[in-house]
């Protein structure tokens, strides 16, 4: 009888401990090993129109595209296609390590807010110009909601249309698309790298 009670007590303790671990796990904790396939992001540049480039979530190994979105990078025009022009040109080609992701970035009026994936810095093809503070992001408030419209002005807290695909070099998606990307990454496994290709 005592053995049965001890066994039951251990089972209850284990269940409570497991429940506590689940309840206190970070919102974007990595999935347990074997629960999801490795993935990576691909940003494919559109040479004719940088604002209609693509971001894809890809299964590593098989190359299967799990999600696909319109995206932009850079300011467009000649300078916008030059990876060595800081704050205007699009991201340099190559592979970037994904450093972190959050749904509540607080960058303020001059920064990035809400859903954001931070990727590593990279030196452009000239071998000396660094590109820093690089993110895959959108335009929203830090809580992920859309800000109010500002008549005659482009709000950094609100997606105002196609012009918002332009960026200072980061990769930008529409709010609904980046939220969908986060959901897909949560389902299939968080990407560990971003590949920027022509």
N, C-alpha and C. Protein backbone atom coordinates (compact mmCIF):
# COMPACT_ATOMS: atom_id res chain seq x y z
N UNK A 1 0.84 -1.21 0.00
CA UNK A 1 0.00 0.00 0.00
C UNK A 1 0.87 1.25 0.00
N UNK A 2 1.92 1.28 0.89
CA UNK A 2 2.81 2.43 0.94
C UNK A 2 3.53 2.65 -0.37
N UNK A 3 3.92 1.58 -1.04
CA UNK A 3 4.61 1.67 -2.33
C UNK A 3 3.70 2.32 -3.36
N UNK A 4 2.42 1.91 -3.37
CA UNK A 4 1.46 2.50 -4.33
C UNK A 4 1.29 3.99 -4.09
N UNK A 5 1.24 4.38 -2.80
CA UNK A 5 1.06 5.80 -2.47
C UNK A 5 2.28 6.60 -2.93
N UNK A 6 3.49 6.06 -2.64
CA UNK A 6 4.71 6.75 -3.06
C UNK A 6 4.77 6.89 -4.58
N UNK A 7 4.40 5.81 -5.31
CA UNK A 7 4.40 5.83 -6.78
C UNK A 7 3.43 6.88 -7.30
N UNK A 8 2.23 6.89 -6.72
CA UNK A 8 1.23 7.89 -7.15
C UNK A 8 1.72 9.29 -6.86
N UNK A 9 2.32 9.48 -5.67
CA UNK A 9 2.84 10.79 -5.31
C UNK A 9 3.93 11.26 -6.27
N UNK A 10 4.83 10.35 -6.64
CA UNK A 10 5.88 10.69 -7.60
C UNK A 10 5.29 11.07 -8.96
N UNK A 11 4.24 10.33 -9.37
CA UNK A 11 3.60 10.62 -10.67
C UNK A 11 2.97 12.00 -10.66
N UNK A 12 2.30 12.34 -9.53
CA UNK A 12 1.67 13.67 -9.42
C UNK A 12 2.73 14.77 -9.43
N UNK A 13 3.82 14.56 -8.69
CA UNK A 13 4.91 15.54 -8.66
C UNK A 13 5.50 15.75 -10.04
N UNK A 14 5.72 14.64 -10.78
CA UNK A 14 6.28 14.74 -12.14
C UNK A 14 5.33 15.51 -13.06
N UNK A 15 4.04 15.24 -12.93
CA UNK A 15 3.06 15.94 -13.78
C UNK A 15 3.03 17.42 -13.48
N UNK A 16 3.05 17.77 -12.16
CA UNK A 16 3.06 19.18 -11.79
C UNK A 16 4.32 19.89 -12.27
N UNK A 17 5.46 19.21 -12.15
CA UNK A 17 6.73 19.79 -12.61
C UNK A 17 6.70 20.02 -14.11
N UNK A 18 6.18 19.05 -14.87
CA UNK A 18 6.10 19.19 -16.33
C UNK A 18 5.18 20.35 -16.69
N UNK A 19 4.04 20.46 -15.96
CA UNK A 19 3.12 21.56 -16.23
C UNK A 19 3.74 22.90 -15.95
N UNK A 20 4.50 22.98 -14.84
CA UNK A 20 5.18 24.24 -14.50
C UNK A 20 6.21 24.61 -15.54
N UNK A 21 6.97 23.63 -16.05
CA UNK A 21 7.98 23.89 -17.08
C UNK A 21 7.33 24.42 -18.33
N UNK A 22 6.16 23.84 -18.69
CA UNK A 22 5.46 24.29 -19.88
C UNK A 22 4.94 25.71 -19.69
N UNK A 23 4.39 25.97 -18.49
CA UNK A 23 3.80 27.28 -18.24
C UNK A 23 4.84 28.39 -18.22
N UNK A 24 6.07 28.07 -17.76
CA UNK A 24 7.08 29.12 -17.64
C UNK A 24 8.04 29.17 -18.82
N UNK A 25 7.84 28.30 -19.83
CA UNK A 25 8.73 28.31 -21.00
C UNK A 25 8.55 29.61 -21.77
N UNK A 26 9.63 30.18 -22.34
CA UNK A 26 9.51 31.41 -23.13
C UNK A 26 8.56 31.21 -24.32
N UNK A 27 7.94 32.29 -24.76
CA UNK A 27 6.97 32.21 -25.85
C UNK A 27 7.59 31.65 -27.12
N UNK A 28 8.88 31.91 -27.34
CA UNK A 28 9.51 31.46 -28.57
C UNK A 28 10.61 30.45 -28.31
N UNK A 29 10.37 29.56 -27.33
CA UNK A 29 11.37 28.53 -27.03
C UNK A 29 11.54 27.61 -28.23
N UNK A 30 12.73 27.09 -28.41
CA UNK A 30 12.99 26.16 -29.51
C UNK A 30 12.19 24.90 -29.30
N UNK A 31 11.67 24.29 -30.39
CA UNK A 31 10.92 23.05 -30.23
C UNK A 31 11.83 21.94 -29.74
N UNK A 32 11.27 20.94 -29.06
CA UNK A 32 12.09 19.83 -28.60
C UNK A 32 12.76 19.12 -29.78
N UNK A 33 13.94 18.52 -29.57
CA UNK A 33 14.62 17.81 -30.66
C UNK A 33 13.71 16.77 -31.29
N UNK A 34 13.71 16.74 -32.62
CA UNK A 34 12.91 15.76 -33.34
C UNK A 34 11.48 16.18 -33.58
N UNK A 35 11.03 17.31 -32.98
CA UNK A 35 9.64 17.72 -33.14
C UNK A 35 9.42 18.56 -34.39
N UNK A 36 10.48 19.10 -34.96
CA UNK A 36 10.35 19.92 -36.17
C UNK A 36 11.62 19.79 -36.99
N UNK A 37 11.47 19.98 -38.30
CA UNK A 37 12.63 19.89 -39.17
C UNK A 37 13.40 21.20 -39.15
N UNK A 38 14.72 21.14 -39.37
CA UNK A 38 15.48 22.39 -39.47
C UNK A 38 14.97 23.22 -40.65
N UNK A 39 14.93 24.53 -40.47
CA UNK A 39 14.49 25.42 -41.55
C UNK A 39 15.45 26.59 -41.68
N UNK A 40 15.33 27.30 -42.81
CA UNK A 40 16.07 28.54 -43.01
C UNK A 40 15.21 29.48 -43.84
N UNK A 41 15.55 30.76 -43.82
CA UNK A 41 14.87 31.75 -44.63
C UNK A 41 15.68 32.04 -45.89
N UNK A 42 14.99 32.33 -46.97
CA UNK A 42 15.63 32.76 -48.21
C UNK A 42 14.99 34.09 -48.63
N UNK A 43 15.83 35.10 -48.85
CA UNK A 43 15.35 36.36 -49.42
C UNK A 43 15.86 36.41 -50.85
N UNK A 44 14.94 36.33 -51.81
CA UNK A 44 15.30 36.35 -53.23
C UNK A 44 15.03 37.75 -53.79
N UNK A 45 16.10 38.40 -54.22
CA UNK A 45 16.01 39.77 -54.72
C UNK A 45 15.37 39.81 -56.11
N UNK A 46 14.50 40.78 -56.30
CA UNK A 46 13.96 41.06 -57.62
C UNK A 46 14.74 42.25 -58.18
N UNK A 47 15.59 42.00 -59.16
CA UNK A 47 16.46 43.06 -59.69
C UNK A 47 15.66 44.18 -60.34
N UNK A 48 14.52 43.88 -60.93
CA UNK A 48 13.72 44.91 -61.60
C UNK A 48 12.95 45.78 -60.62
N UNK A 49 12.49 45.16 -59.53
CA UNK A 49 11.70 45.90 -58.55
C UNK A 49 11.96 45.33 -57.16
N UNK A 50 12.91 45.92 -56.41
CA UNK A 50 13.25 45.39 -55.08
C UNK A 50 12.06 45.26 -54.14
N UNK A 51 11.02 46.07 -54.35
CA UNK A 51 9.85 46.03 -53.47
C UNK A 51 8.95 44.83 -53.75
N UNK A 52 9.24 44.08 -54.79
CA UNK A 52 8.47 42.86 -55.06
C UNK A 52 9.40 41.64 -55.04
N UNK A 53 10.34 41.66 -54.11
CA UNK A 53 11.19 40.50 -53.88
C UNK A 53 10.39 39.49 -53.05
N UNK A 54 11.03 38.36 -52.67
CA UNK A 54 10.32 37.31 -51.94
C UNK A 54 11.10 36.84 -50.73
N UNK A 55 10.39 36.51 -49.67
CA UNK A 55 10.95 35.80 -48.52
C UNK A 55 10.27 34.45 -48.43
N UNK A 56 11.08 33.40 -48.27
CA UNK A 56 10.53 32.05 -48.16
C UNK A 56 11.07 31.35 -46.92
N UNK A 57 10.22 30.60 -46.26
CA UNK A 57 10.65 29.69 -45.20
C UNK A 57 10.84 28.33 -45.86
N UNK A 58 12.05 27.81 -45.78
CA UNK A 58 12.42 26.60 -46.53
C UNK A 58 12.88 25.51 -45.58
N UNK A 59 12.46 24.29 -45.86
CA UNK A 59 12.92 23.15 -45.08
C UNK A 59 14.35 22.81 -45.51
N UNK A 60 15.25 22.85 -44.57
CA UNK A 60 16.65 22.56 -44.86
C UNK A 60 16.80 21.08 -45.21
N UNK A 61 17.59 20.80 -46.23
CA UNK A 61 17.80 19.42 -46.64
C UNK A 61 16.95 19.06 -47.84
N UNK A 62 15.62 19.26 -47.73
CA UNK A 62 14.73 18.91 -48.84
C UNK A 62 14.54 20.08 -49.80
N UNK A 63 14.71 21.33 -49.31
CA UNK A 63 14.46 22.50 -50.14
C UNK A 63 12.98 22.81 -50.30
N UNK A 64 12.13 22.12 -49.57
CA UNK A 64 10.68 22.35 -49.68
C UNK A 64 10.32 23.73 -49.14
N UNK A 65 9.56 24.49 -49.94
CA UNK A 65 9.10 25.82 -49.52
C UNK A 65 7.87 25.63 -48.63
N UNK A 66 7.99 26.10 -47.39
CA UNK A 66 6.92 25.95 -46.41
C UNK A 66 6.02 27.18 -46.33
N UNK A 67 6.55 28.34 -46.70
CA UNK A 67 5.79 29.59 -46.71
C UNK A 67 6.51 30.57 -47.62
N UNK A 68 5.76 31.47 -48.26
CA UNK A 68 6.31 32.36 -49.30
C UNK A 68 5.58 33.70 -49.24
N UNK A 69 6.33 34.81 -49.18
CA UNK A 69 5.73 36.13 -49.02
C UNK A 69 6.42 37.17 -49.88
N UNK A 70 5.68 38.19 -50.26
CA UNK A 70 6.28 39.37 -50.88
C UNK A 70 7.10 40.11 -49.82
N UNK A 71 8.23 40.66 -50.24
CA UNK A 71 9.08 41.41 -49.31
C UNK A 71 9.88 42.45 -50.08
N UNK A 72 10.43 43.42 -49.37
CA UNK A 72 11.29 44.42 -49.99
C UNK A 72 12.53 44.64 -49.15
N UNK A 73 13.55 45.24 -49.77
CA UNK A 73 14.76 45.61 -49.04
C UNK A 73 15.42 46.76 -49.79
N UNK A 74 15.83 47.79 -49.06
CA UNK A 74 16.46 48.95 -49.69
C UNK A 74 15.45 49.97 -50.16
N UNK A 75 15.98 51.06 -50.68
CA UNK A 75 15.15 52.20 -51.08
C UNK A 75 14.76 52.20 -52.55
N UNK A 76 15.19 51.19 -53.30
CA UNK A 76 14.88 51.17 -54.72
C UNK A 76 15.83 52.07 -55.49
N UNK A 77 15.71 52.09 -56.81
CA UNK A 77 16.62 52.88 -57.64
C UNK A 77 18.02 52.30 -57.64
N UNK A 78 18.98 53.00 -58.22
CA UNK A 78 20.35 52.51 -58.34
C UNK A 78 20.99 52.31 -56.97
N UNK A 79 20.88 53.30 -56.10
CA UNK A 79 21.47 53.19 -54.75
C UNK A 79 20.82 52.07 -53.96
N UNK A 80 19.53 51.86 -54.17
CA UNK A 80 18.80 50.82 -53.45
C UNK A 80 19.21 49.42 -53.83
N UNK A 81 19.87 49.28 -54.99
CA UNK A 81 20.35 47.97 -55.42
C UNK A 81 21.84 47.79 -55.13
N UNK A 82 22.44 48.76 -54.50
CA UNK A 82 23.87 48.69 -54.17
C UNK A 82 24.02 48.27 -52.72
N UNK A 83 24.48 47.06 -52.49
CA UNK A 83 24.57 46.53 -51.13
C UNK A 83 25.57 47.27 -50.25
N UNK A 84 26.43 48.08 -50.85
CA UNK A 84 27.44 48.81 -50.08
C UNK A 84 27.01 50.22 -49.69
N UNK A 85 25.79 50.63 -50.05
CA UNK A 85 25.27 51.94 -49.66
C UNK A 85 24.45 51.75 -48.39
N UNK A 86 25.03 52.18 -47.26
CA UNK A 86 24.37 51.98 -45.98
C UNK A 86 23.09 52.81 -45.88
N UNK A 87 22.07 52.22 -45.28
CA UNK A 87 20.76 52.84 -45.06
C UNK A 87 19.97 53.12 -46.33
N UNK A 88 20.46 52.63 -47.46
CA UNK A 88 19.70 52.76 -48.71
C UNK A 88 19.69 51.46 -49.50
N UNK A 89 20.85 50.81 -49.57
CA UNK A 89 20.97 49.60 -50.38
C UNK A 89 20.39 48.37 -49.70
N UNK A 90 20.01 47.39 -50.53
CA UNK A 90 19.47 46.16 -49.98
C UNK A 90 20.57 45.30 -49.36
N UNK A 91 20.17 44.22 -48.71
CA UNK A 91 21.13 43.37 -48.00
C UNK A 91 22.13 42.75 -48.97
N UNK A 92 23.40 42.65 -48.53
CA UNK A 92 24.40 41.94 -49.34
C UNK A 92 24.03 40.47 -49.51
N UNK A 93 24.40 39.91 -50.66
CA UNK A 93 24.19 38.48 -50.87
C UNK A 93 24.99 37.69 -49.85
N UNK A 94 24.53 36.50 -49.53
CA UNK A 94 25.25 35.63 -48.61
C UNK A 94 24.34 35.04 -47.56
N UNK A 95 24.94 34.38 -46.60
CA UNK A 95 24.21 33.70 -45.53
C UNK A 95 24.43 34.44 -44.21
N UNK A 96 23.34 34.66 -43.50
CA UNK A 96 23.35 35.37 -42.22
C UNK A 96 22.85 34.41 -41.13
N UNK A 97 23.45 34.46 -39.98
CA UNK A 97 22.95 33.70 -38.84
C UNK A 97 21.76 34.44 -38.24
N UNK A 98 20.69 33.71 -37.93
CA UNK A 98 19.56 34.29 -37.21
C UNK A 98 19.93 34.35 -35.74
N UNK A 99 19.90 35.57 -35.17
CA UNK A 99 20.34 35.77 -33.79
C UNK A 99 19.19 35.64 -32.79
N UNK A 100 18.02 36.15 -33.15
CA UNK A 100 16.89 36.12 -32.23
C UNK A 100 15.61 36.50 -32.97
N UNK A 101 14.49 36.33 -32.28
CA UNK A 101 13.21 36.80 -32.82
C UNK A 101 12.32 37.20 -31.66
N UNK A 102 11.42 38.15 -31.91
CA UNK A 102 10.50 38.62 -30.89
C UNK A 102 9.22 39.15 -31.54
N UNK A 103 8.15 39.14 -30.79
CA UNK A 103 6.89 39.75 -31.26
C UNK A 103 6.66 41.11 -30.61
N UNK A 104 7.61 41.56 -29.78
CA UNK A 104 7.40 42.81 -29.03
C UNK A 104 8.64 43.70 -29.00
N UNK A 105 9.27 43.86 -30.13
CA UNK A 105 10.44 44.73 -30.18
C UNK A 105 10.00 46.19 -29.96
N UNK A 106 10.76 46.91 -29.18
CA UNK A 106 10.44 48.31 -28.88
C UNK A 106 11.55 49.20 -29.41
N UNK A 107 11.39 49.67 -30.62
CA UNK A 107 12.41 50.50 -31.25
C UNK A 107 12.06 51.98 -31.27
N UNK A 108 10.83 52.31 -30.88
CA UNK A 108 10.42 53.71 -30.89
C UNK A 108 10.19 54.25 -32.29
N UNK A 109 10.04 55.56 -32.38
CA UNK A 109 9.69 56.19 -33.66
C UNK A 109 10.72 55.96 -34.75
N UNK A 110 12.00 55.92 -34.41
CA UNK A 110 13.05 55.76 -35.41
C UNK A 110 13.57 54.34 -35.51
N UNK A 111 12.88 53.40 -34.87
CA UNK A 111 13.37 52.02 -34.86
C UNK A 111 12.34 51.03 -35.38
N UNK A 112 12.57 49.78 -35.04
CA UNK A 112 11.73 48.66 -35.47
C UNK A 112 10.89 48.23 -34.29
N UNK A 113 9.62 48.00 -34.55
CA UNK A 113 8.69 47.64 -33.49
C UNK A 113 7.90 46.38 -33.82
N UNK A 114 7.51 45.67 -32.75
CA UNK A 114 6.66 44.50 -32.93
C UNK A 114 7.42 43.27 -33.37
N UNK A 115 6.91 42.61 -34.39
CA UNK A 115 7.47 41.34 -34.87
C UNK A 115 8.79 41.61 -35.61
N UNK A 116 9.84 40.94 -35.18
CA UNK A 116 11.15 41.18 -35.79
C UNK A 116 12.06 39.98 -35.62
N UNK A 117 12.82 39.69 -36.66
CA UNK A 117 13.84 38.63 -36.64
C UNK A 117 15.18 39.32 -36.85
N UNK A 118 16.07 39.18 -35.89
CA UNK A 118 17.38 39.84 -35.94
C UNK A 118 18.39 38.90 -36.58
N UNK A 119 19.11 39.40 -37.59
CA UNK A 119 20.16 38.59 -38.23
C UNK A 119 21.51 39.27 -38.06
N UNK A 120 22.57 38.49 -38.23
CA UNK A 120 23.93 38.97 -37.98
C UNK A 120 24.34 40.06 -38.96
N UNK A 121 25.31 40.88 -38.54
CA UNK A 121 25.89 41.91 -39.42
C UNK A 121 26.65 41.25 -40.56
N UNK A 122 26.90 42.02 -41.62
CA UNK A 122 27.68 41.50 -42.75
C UNK A 122 28.43 42.64 -43.42
N UNK A 123 29.65 42.35 -43.86
CA UNK A 123 30.43 43.30 -44.65
C UNK A 123 30.05 43.09 -46.11
N UNK A 124 29.82 44.20 -46.84
CA UNK A 124 29.38 44.08 -48.23
C UNK A 124 30.54 43.65 -49.13
N UNK A 125 30.26 43.55 -50.43
CA UNK A 125 31.23 42.97 -51.36
C UNK A 125 32.52 43.77 -51.50
N UNK A 126 32.53 45.04 -51.06
CA UNK A 126 33.79 45.81 -51.15
C UNK A 126 34.79 45.41 -50.07
N UNK A 127 34.35 44.56 -49.14
CA UNK A 127 35.24 44.04 -48.11
C UNK A 127 35.49 44.97 -46.94
N UNK A 128 34.83 46.14 -46.91
CA UNK A 128 35.09 47.09 -45.83
C UNK A 128 33.84 47.77 -45.27
N UNK A 129 32.77 47.83 -46.04
CA UNK A 129 31.57 48.54 -45.57
C UNK A 129 30.67 47.60 -44.78
N UNK A 130 30.50 47.85 -43.47
CA UNK A 130 29.65 46.96 -42.67
C UNK A 130 28.18 47.32 -42.82
N UNK A 131 27.34 46.30 -42.85
CA UNK A 131 25.90 46.50 -42.79
C UNK A 131 25.44 45.95 -41.44
N UNK A 132 24.87 46.80 -40.64
CA UNK A 132 24.56 46.45 -39.25
C UNK A 132 23.08 46.69 -38.93
N UNK A 133 22.67 46.23 -37.74
CA UNK A 133 21.29 46.38 -37.27
C UNK A 133 20.31 45.86 -38.31
N UNK A 134 20.46 44.62 -38.70
CA UNK A 134 19.69 44.01 -39.78
C UNK A 134 18.57 43.13 -39.23
N UNK A 135 17.37 43.35 -39.76
CA UNK A 135 16.19 42.63 -39.28
C UNK A 135 15.29 42.24 -40.46
N UNK A 136 14.47 41.23 -40.24
CA UNK A 136 13.28 40.97 -41.04
C UNK A 136 12.14 41.50 -40.19
N UNK A 137 11.38 42.48 -40.70
CA UNK A 137 10.39 43.14 -39.86
C UNK A 137 9.26 43.72 -40.70
N UNK A 138 8.38 44.48 -40.04
CA UNK A 138 7.26 45.14 -40.70
C UNK A 138 7.15 46.55 -40.15
N UNK A 139 5.96 47.13 -40.21
CA UNK A 139 5.67 48.42 -39.57
C UNK A 139 4.43 48.23 -38.71
N UNK A 140 4.61 48.43 -37.39
CA UNK A 140 3.54 48.24 -36.42
C UNK A 140 3.98 48.82 -35.09
N UNK A 141 3.09 48.80 -34.12
CA UNK A 141 3.45 49.20 -32.77
C UNK A 141 4.19 48.04 -32.09
N UNK A 142 4.77 48.32 -30.94
CA UNK A 142 5.54 47.28 -30.25
C UNK A 142 4.68 46.11 -29.79
N UNK A 143 3.36 46.31 -29.68
CA UNK A 143 2.48 45.21 -29.29
C UNK A 143 1.94 44.44 -30.49
N UNK A 144 2.41 44.79 -31.70
CA UNK A 144 1.99 44.08 -32.90
C UNK A 144 0.76 44.65 -33.58
N UNK A 145 0.12 45.64 -32.94
CA UNK A 145 -1.07 46.26 -33.52
C UNK A 145 -0.66 47.39 -34.47
N UNK A 146 -1.59 47.80 -35.31
CA UNK A 146 -1.34 48.90 -36.21
C UNK A 146 -1.61 50.23 -35.53
N UNK A 147 -0.73 51.21 -35.77
CA UNK A 147 -0.93 52.54 -35.24
C UNK A 147 -2.00 53.29 -36.02
N UNK A 148 -2.33 54.46 -35.57
CA UNK A 148 -3.36 55.26 -36.25
C UNK A 148 -2.77 55.89 -37.51
N UNK A 149 -3.62 56.14 -38.48
CA UNK A 149 -3.19 56.80 -39.71
C UNK A 149 -2.85 58.26 -39.40
N UNK A 150 -1.78 58.73 -40.02
CA UNK A 150 -1.37 60.13 -39.86
C UNK A 150 -1.56 60.82 -41.21
N UNK A 151 -2.56 61.68 -41.38
CA UNK A 151 -2.82 62.31 -42.68
C UNK A 151 -1.59 63.02 -43.24
N UNK A 152 -1.28 62.72 -44.48
CA UNK A 152 -0.17 63.37 -45.16
C UNK A 152 1.21 62.91 -44.73
N UNK A 153 1.29 61.88 -43.89
CA UNK A 153 2.58 61.42 -43.40
C UNK A 153 2.61 59.90 -43.34
N UNK A 154 3.79 59.33 -43.56
CA UNK A 154 3.95 57.89 -43.46
C UNK A 154 4.30 57.55 -42.01
N UNK A 155 3.43 56.83 -41.34
CA UNK A 155 3.65 56.49 -39.94
C UNK A 155 4.56 55.26 -39.83
N UNK A 156 5.58 55.31 -38.95
CA UNK A 156 6.43 54.15 -38.74
C UNK A 156 5.74 53.04 -37.95
N UNK A 157 4.55 53.34 -37.42
CA UNK A 157 3.80 52.37 -36.62
C UNK A 157 2.63 51.76 -37.39
N UNK A 158 2.58 52.05 -38.69
CA UNK A 158 1.42 51.61 -39.47
C UNK A 158 1.85 51.27 -40.89
N UNK A 159 1.31 50.18 -41.44
CA UNK A 159 1.56 49.81 -42.83
C UNK A 159 0.63 50.65 -43.69
N UNK A 160 1.21 51.56 -44.45
CA UNK A 160 0.40 52.49 -45.24
C UNK A 160 0.25 52.11 -46.70
N UNK A 161 0.89 51.03 -47.13
CA UNK A 161 0.76 50.61 -48.52
C UNK A 161 2.07 50.11 -49.11
N UNK A 162 2.11 50.00 -50.45
CA UNK A 162 3.27 49.43 -51.13
C UNK A 162 4.58 50.17 -50.85
N UNK A 163 4.49 51.47 -50.58
CA UNK A 163 5.70 52.23 -50.29
C UNK A 163 6.42 51.74 -49.04
N UNK A 164 5.71 51.04 -48.17
CA UNK A 164 6.32 50.56 -46.94
C UNK A 164 7.20 49.33 -47.15
N UNK A 165 7.21 48.77 -48.35
CA UNK A 165 8.17 47.69 -48.64
C UNK A 165 9.59 48.24 -48.76
N UNK A 166 9.73 49.57 -48.93
CA UNK A 166 11.07 50.17 -48.94
C UNK A 166 11.62 50.18 -47.52
N UNK A 167 12.95 50.07 -47.42
CA UNK A 167 13.56 50.01 -46.10
C UNK A 167 14.94 50.66 -46.14
N UNK A 168 15.56 50.74 -44.97
CA UNK A 168 16.93 51.26 -44.87
C UNK A 168 17.95 50.13 -45.06
N UNK A 169 17.50 49.04 -45.62
CA UNK A 169 18.39 47.91 -45.88
C UNK A 169 17.86 46.62 -45.32
N UNK A 170 17.01 46.70 -44.30
CA UNK A 170 16.40 45.50 -43.74
C UNK A 170 15.43 44.87 -44.73
N UNK A 171 14.94 43.69 -44.40
CA UNK A 171 13.92 43.02 -45.21
C UNK A 171 12.57 43.30 -44.56
N UNK A 172 11.60 43.79 -45.35
CA UNK A 172 10.30 44.16 -44.81
C UNK A 172 9.16 43.37 -45.46
N UNK A 173 8.25 42.93 -44.60
CA UNK A 173 7.04 42.24 -45.01
C UNK A 173 5.83 43.01 -44.51
N UNK A 174 4.68 42.78 -45.12
CA UNK A 174 3.43 43.35 -44.62
C UNK A 174 3.12 42.73 -43.26
N UNK A 175 2.40 43.45 -42.40
CA UNK A 175 2.12 42.94 -41.04
C UNK A 175 1.50 41.55 -41.01
N UNK A 176 0.48 41.31 -41.82
CA UNK A 176 -0.17 40.00 -41.80
C UNK A 176 0.81 38.91 -42.23
N UNK A 177 1.71 39.24 -43.16
CA UNK A 177 2.66 38.24 -43.66
C UNK A 177 3.71 37.89 -42.62
N UNK A 178 4.24 38.88 -41.90
CA UNK A 178 5.25 38.54 -40.91
C UNK A 178 4.63 37.77 -39.74
N UNK A 179 3.39 38.07 -39.41
CA UNK A 179 2.70 37.30 -38.38
C UNK A 179 2.49 35.85 -38.85
N UNK A 180 2.14 35.69 -40.10
CA UNK A 180 1.98 34.35 -40.66
C UNK A 180 3.31 33.61 -40.68
N UNK A 181 4.41 34.33 -41.01
CA UNK A 181 5.74 33.73 -41.01
C UNK A 181 6.10 33.24 -39.62
N UNK A 182 5.83 34.03 -38.59
CA UNK A 182 6.12 33.60 -37.22
C UNK A 182 5.32 32.34 -36.88
N UNK A 183 4.05 32.28 -37.29
CA UNK A 183 3.23 31.10 -37.02
C UNK A 183 3.80 29.88 -37.75
N UNK A 184 4.23 30.07 -39.00
CA UNK A 184 4.80 28.96 -39.76
C UNK A 184 6.10 28.48 -39.13
N UNK A 185 6.94 29.43 -38.68
CA UNK A 185 8.20 29.06 -38.04
C UNK A 185 7.95 28.33 -36.72
N UNK A 186 6.93 28.74 -36.00
CA UNK A 186 6.58 28.06 -34.75
C UNK A 186 6.13 26.63 -35.05
N UNK A 187 5.45 26.46 -36.17
CA UNK A 187 4.93 25.13 -36.54
C UNK A 187 6.03 24.22 -37.07
N UNK A 188 6.86 24.74 -37.97
CA UNK A 188 7.83 23.90 -38.67
C UNK A 188 9.22 23.90 -38.04
N UNK A 189 9.50 24.86 -37.17
CA UNK A 189 10.82 24.98 -36.58
C UNK A 189 11.43 26.32 -36.95
N UNK A 190 12.03 26.99 -35.98
CA UNK A 190 12.57 28.31 -36.22
C UNK A 190 13.81 28.26 -37.10
N UNK A 191 13.88 29.15 -38.12
CA UNK A 191 15.04 29.16 -39.01
C UNK A 191 16.30 29.58 -38.26
N UNK A 192 17.40 28.98 -38.64
CA UNK A 192 18.67 29.31 -38.00
C UNK A 192 19.53 30.23 -38.88
N UNK A 193 19.10 30.43 -40.13
CA UNK A 193 19.87 31.30 -41.03
C UNK A 193 18.97 31.97 -42.03
N UNK A 194 19.49 33.03 -42.63
CA UNK A 194 18.83 33.74 -43.75
C UNK A 194 19.81 33.73 -44.90
N UNK A 195 19.35 33.25 -46.06
CA UNK A 195 20.18 33.27 -47.27
C UNK A 195 19.65 34.34 -48.21
N UNK A 196 20.51 35.28 -48.57
CA UNK A 196 20.13 36.35 -49.50
C UNK A 196 20.72 36.03 -50.85
N UNK A 197 19.84 35.90 -51.86
CA UNK A 197 20.26 35.46 -53.19
C UNK A 197 19.68 36.39 -54.25
N UNK A 198 20.32 36.38 -55.44
CA UNK A 198 19.82 37.19 -56.57
C UNK A 198 18.76 36.41 -57.32
